[in-house]
Amino acid sequence: MKKLLLLVATAAGAVFVQRKIKEQQAEQNLWHEATATPPSSSSSSDS
């Protein structure tokens, strides 16, 4: 019974860590998008 409880606790911990990593990655992507310099609108192919 203790092994099963340990397995469930380990699985729950792994899911928690995975969600936190995805959450941090999503927030980092938002910050990157918000702070990235916009591409220049002058392109030589328009001429």
C-alpha atoms as a PDB file:
ATOM      1  CA  MET A   1       0.000   0.000   0.000  1.00  0.00           C
ATOM      2  CA  LYS A   2       2.880   2.374   0.787  1.00  0.00           C
ATOM      3  CA  LYS A   3       4.417   1.739  -2.639  1.00  0.00           C
ATOM      4  CA  LEU A   4       1.132   2.644  -4.335  1.00  0.00           C
ATOM      5  CA  LEU A   5       0.865   5.838  -2.290  1.00  0.00           C
ATOM      6  CA  LEU A   6       4.449   6.725  -3.168  1.00  0.00           C
ATOM      7  CA  LEU A   7       3.753   6.084  -6.859  1.00  0.00           C
ATOM      8  CA  VAL A   8       0.645   8.292  -6.798  1.00  0.00           C
ATOM      9  CA  ALA A   9       2.505  11.063  -4.959  1.00  0.00           C
ATOM     10  CA  THR A  10       5.378  10.896  -7.443  1.00  0.00           C
ATOM     11  CA  ALA A  11       3.007  11.041 -10.400  1.00  0.00           C
ATOM     12  CA  ALA A  12       1.145  14.003  -8.889  1.00  0.00           C
ATOM     13  CA  GLY A  13       4.439  15.793  -8.290  1.00  0.00           C
ATOM     14  CA  ALA A  14       5.547  15.163 -11.867  1.00  0.00           C
ATOM     15  CA  VAL A  15       2.270  16.563 -13.227  1.00  0.00           C
ATOM     16  CA  PHE A  16       2.599  19.617 -10.985  1.00  0.00           C
ATOM     17  CA  VAL A  17       6.162  20.303 -12.143  1.00  0.00           C
ATOM     18  CA  GLN A  18       5.203  19.811 -15.792  1.00  0.00           C
ATOM     19  CA  ARG A  19       2.339  22.297 -15.481  1.00  0.00           C
ATOM     20  CA  LYS A  20       4.562  24.864 -13.787  1.00  0.00           C
ATOM     21  CA  ILE A  21       7.159  24.543 -16.547  1.00  0.00           C
ATOM     22  CA  LYS A  22       4.512  25.025 -19.258  1.00  0.00           C
ATOM     23  CA  GLU A  23       3.071  27.987 -17.352  1.00  0.00           C
ATOM     24  CA  GLN A  24       6.479  29.652 -17.041  1.00  0.00           C
ATOM     25  CA  GLN A  25       7.235  29.021 -20.722  1.00  0.00           C
ATOM     26  CA  ALA A  26       3.916  30.587 -21.755  1.00  0.00           C
ATOM     27  CA  GLU A  27       4.597  33.646 -19.621  1.00  0.00           C
ATOM     28  CA  GLN A  28       8.116  33.953 -21.006  1.00  0.00           C
ATOM     29  CA  ASN A  29       6.711  33.787 -24.557  1.00  0.00           C
ATOM     30  CA  LEU A  30       4.243  36.566 -23.719  1.00  0.00           C
ATOM     31  CA  TRP A  31       7.010  38.752 -22.307  1.00  0.00           C
ATOM     32  CA  HIS A  32       9.149  38.114 -25.360  1.00  0.00           C
ATOM     33  CA  GLU A  33       6.285  39.057 -27.664  1.00  0.00           C
ATOM     34  CA  ALA A  34       5.449  42.161 -25.635  1.00  0.00           C
ATOM     35  CA  THR A  35       9.023  43.434 -25.430  1.00  0.00           C
ATOM     36  CA  ALA A  36      10.304  42.418 -28.871  1.00  0.00           C
ATOM     37  CA  THR A  37      11.153  45.240 -31.213  1.00  0.00           C
ATOM     38  CA  PRO A  38       8.708  45.394 -34.107  1.00  0.00           C
ATOM     39  CA  PRO A  39      10.107  44.614 -37.541  1.00  0.00           C
ATOM     40  CA  SER A  40      10.955  47.652 -39.631  1.00  0.00           C
ATOM     41  CA  SER A  41       8.228  48.590 -42.076  1.00  0.00           C
ATOM     42  CA  SER A  42      10.637  49.812 -44.758  1.00  0.00           C
ATOM     43  CA  SER A  43      11.547  46.975 -47.063  1.00  0.00           C
ATOM     44  CA  SER A  44      13.491  47.204 -50.300  1.00  0.00           C
ATOM     45  CA  SER A  45      11.163  44.786 -52.107  1.00  0.00           C
ATOM     46  CA  ASP A  46       8.388  47.439 -52.316  1.00  0.00           C
ATOM     47  CA  SER A  47      10.353  49.608 -54.749  1.00  0.00           C
END
